[in-house]
Amino acid sequence: MNNIFHYISPLGGITLASDGKALTGLWFDGQKYFPHKLVEESSEAELPIFTQTCKWLDIYFSGKEPDFTPPISLCITPFRKVVYDILLTIPYGQTMTYGEIARILADQQGAEHMSAQAVGNAVGHNPISIIIPCHRVVGVDGSLTGYAGGLDKKTALLKLENN
């Protein structure tokens, strides 16, 4: 059974999803790749994981770095898992380029090259926005390229982390 909960952030509504134990999704309402079908087939619920995630979001939106991560459970490809694991290493208030992530992946896999486009695709489909910090990924020249939640939200999140 999928469960959902709605959180109101300073940047707009956020939908949280859970399998009952762990967080399985966190999206700005209406963002690209928003799982409308999942939401339609889920039940509204108040669960401990939602309480914990809301606490994390409250701390984050107050301009502080949370010192914990709610339990996360994802059904994703192994490639996306390694990309998201790298995203989780990007320090609060800092950024990394798609190319840097591709180089890390290539090194980890003993490959000569890894596609920055493939990395970008994985980053764009991140189902746990903010907590898995895809907003911290920028273009090679530092430009704010792409964000499923909208570039205005990406700009606001990076600004929040740098205040």
Protein backbone atom coordinates (compact mmCIF):
# COMPACT_ATOMS: atom_id res chain seq x y z
CA MET A 1 0.00 0.00 0.00
CA ASN A 2 1.32 3.41 -0.96
CA ASN A 3 0.76 6.32 1.37
CA ILE A 4 1.08 10.03 0.70
CA PHE A 5 1.29 13.17 2.78
CA HIS A 6 1.28 16.83 1.77
CA TYR A 7 3.81 19.30 3.15
CA ILE A 8 3.62 23.04 2.56
CA SER A 9 7.08 24.53 2.04
CA PRO A 10 8.12 28.15 1.49
CA LEU A 11 8.51 27.16 -2.19
CA GLY A 12 5.09 25.52 -2.54
CA GLY A 13 3.43 22.19 -1.92
CA ILE A 14 5.45 19.01 -1.65
CA THR A 15 4.03 15.50 -1.87
CA LEU A 16 5.70 12.77 0.17
CA ALA A 17 5.20 9.06 -0.55
CA SER A 18 5.94 6.03 1.60
CA ASP A 19 5.57 2.26 1.61
CA GLY A 20 4.64 2.57 5.29
CA LYS A 21 8.19 2.27 6.59
CA ALA A 22 10.50 4.39 4.43
CA LEU A 23 10.25 7.43 2.21
CA THR A 24 9.74 6.40 -1.42
CA GLY A 25 9.12 9.80 -2.98
CA LEU A 26 9.33 13.55 -2.42
CA TRP A 27 8.24 15.87 -5.22
CA PHE A 28 7.28 19.49 -5.59
CA ASP A 29 3.64 19.42 -6.59
CA GLY A 30 3.32 19.40 -10.35
CA GLN A 31 7.02 18.99 -11.08
CA LYS A 32 8.20 17.17 -14.19
CA TYR A 33 7.93 13.40 -13.71
CA PHE A 34 5.42 13.91 -10.89
CA PRO A 35 3.82 10.48 -10.37
CA HIS A 36 0.15 11.42 -10.79
CA LYS A 37 -0.94 7.77 -10.98
CA LEU A 38 0.89 6.89 -7.74
CA VAL A 39 -0.79 9.77 -5.96
CA GLU A 40 -4.23 8.80 -7.32
CA GLU A 41 -3.74 5.21 -6.13
CA SER A 42 -2.42 6.12 -2.67
CA SER A 43 -4.04 6.82 0.65
CA GLU A 44 -3.49 9.95 2.70
CA ALA A 45 -1.85 8.93 5.96
CA GLU A 46 0.00 10.27 8.95
CA LEU A 47 2.96 7.98 9.49
CA PRO A 48 6.15 8.22 11.58
CA ILE A 49 8.22 8.44 8.36
CA PHE A 50 6.21 11.47 7.28
CA THR A 51 6.67 13.09 10.70
CA GLN A 52 10.43 12.48 10.45
CA THR A 53 10.60 13.79 6.88
CA CYS A 54 8.59 16.90 7.79
CA LYS A 55 11.03 17.54 10.65
CA TRP A 56 13.92 17.22 8.16
CA LEU A 57 12.19 19.66 5.78
CA ASP A 58 11.42 22.12 8.61
CA ILE A 59 15.10 22.18 9.59
CA TYR A 60 16.20 22.49 5.95
CA PHE A 61 13.79 25.33 5.12
CA SER A 62 14.86 27.17 8.29
CA GLY A 63 18.27 27.51 6.60
CA LYS A 64 20.07 24.81 8.54
CA GLU A 65 21.59 21.53 7.44
CA PRO A 66 19.66 18.57 8.93
CA ASP A 67 21.90 16.15 10.84
CA PHE A 68 19.93 13.04 9.87
CA THR A 69 18.39 11.49 6.77
CA PRO A 70 14.98 9.81 6.91
CA PRO A 71 14.96 6.15 5.83
CA ILE A 72 14.68 5.93 2.04
CA SER A 73 13.60 2.98 -0.10
CA LEU A 74 13.85 3.20 -3.88
CA CYS A 75 12.99 0.78 -6.69
CA ILE A 76 15.50 2.04 -9.24
CA THR A 77 18.15 0.76 -11.63
CA PRO A 78 21.66 0.07 -10.33
CA PHE A 79 22.92 3.00 -12.45
CA ARG A 80 20.51 5.43 -10.84
CA LYS A 81 21.42 4.09 -7.40
CA VAL A 82 25.12 4.89 -7.88
CA VAL A 83 24.25 8.34 -9.25
CA TYR A 84 22.01 9.08 -6.24
CA ASP A 85 24.68 7.77 -3.86
CA ILE A 86 27.08 10.34 -5.36
CA LEU A 87 24.45 13.09 -5.04
CA LEU A 88 24.21 12.30 -1.33
CA THR A 89 27.94 13.09 -0.98
CA ILE A 90 27.62 16.66 -2.31
CA PRO A 91 28.04 18.86 0.76
CA TYR A 92 25.31 21.27 1.82
CA GLY A 93 25.84 24.62 0.10
CA GLN A 94 28.15 23.20 -2.58
CA THR A 95 27.62 22.02 -6.15
CA MET A 96 29.01 19.43 -8.53
CA THR A 97 28.76 19.23 -12.32
CA TYR A 98 27.20 16.45 -14.35
CA GLY A 99 30.66 15.85 -15.82
CA GLU A 100 32.25 15.49 -12.38
CA ILE A 101 29.64 12.89 -11.45
CA ALA A 102 30.28 11.08 -14.76
CA ARG A 103 34.05 11.03 -14.01
CA ILE A 104 33.44 9.62 -10.52
CA LEU A 105 31.22 6.90 -12.00
CA ALA A 106 33.79 6.07 -14.68
CA ASP A 107 36.50 5.79 -12.02
CA GLN A 108 34.28 3.59 -9.82
CA GLN A 109 33.52 1.28 -12.72
CA GLY A 110 37.00 1.25 -14.21
CA ALA A 111 35.67 2.76 -17.43
CA GLU A 112 37.41 5.30 -19.64
CA HIS A 113 34.33 7.47 -19.99
CA MET A 114 30.80 7.82 -18.65
CA SER A 115 28.10 9.86 -20.34
CA ALA A 116 27.24 13.14 -18.61
CA GLN A 117 23.91 12.93 -20.48
CA ALA A 118 23.13 9.59 -18.84
CA VAL A 119 23.98 11.16 -15.49
CA GLY A 120 21.70 14.10 -16.32
CA ASN A 121 18.85 11.75 -17.15
CA ALA A 122 19.26 9.91 -13.84
CA VAL A 123 19.51 13.18 -11.89
CA GLY A 124 16.38 14.51 -13.61
CA HIS A 125 14.35 11.48 -12.56
CA ASN A 126 15.37 11.67 -8.88
CA PRO A 127 12.26 10.61 -6.91
CA ILE A 128 13.42 12.12 -3.59
CA SER A 129 14.00 15.80 -4.35
CA ILE A 130 15.88 17.98 -1.87
CA ILE A 131 16.93 15.11 0.44
CA ILE A 132 18.78 13.47 -2.48
CA PRO A 133 20.16 16.85 -3.52
CA CYS A 134 19.82 16.90 -7.30
CA HIS A 135 19.47 20.70 -7.06
CA ARG A 136 23.21 20.81 -6.29
CA VAL A 137 24.13 19.58 -9.78
CA VAL A 138 25.05 22.31 -12.25
CA GLY A 139 26.36 22.66 -15.79
CA VAL A 140 30.07 22.57 -16.61
CA ASP A 141 30.25 26.38 -16.49
CA GLY A 142 28.32 26.56 -13.20
CA SER A 143 25.05 27.37 -14.97
CA LEU A 144 21.79 26.22 -13.43
CA THR A 145 20.71 23.72 -16.02
CA GLY A 146 17.54 21.74 -15.62
CA TYR A 147 15.60 20.89 -12.51
CA ALA A 148 12.42 18.85 -12.58
CA GLY A 149 10.92 21.12 -9.91
CA GLY A 150 11.70 24.23 -11.98
CA LEU A 151 14.77 26.45 -12.19
CA ASP A 152 13.13 28.98 -9.84
CA LYS A 153 13.04 26.32 -7.11
CA LYS A 154 16.60 25.19 -7.84
CA THR A 155 17.79 28.79 -7.55
CA ALA A 156 15.89 29.25 -4.28
CA LEU A 157 17.26 26.00 -2.77
CA LEU A 158 20.86 26.89 -3.62
CA LYS A 159 20.34 30.42 -2.28
CA LEU A 160 18.87 29.01 0.95
CA GLU A 161 21.94 26.79 1.42
CA ASN A 162 24.34 29.67 0.83
CA ASN A 163 22.84 32.16 3.29
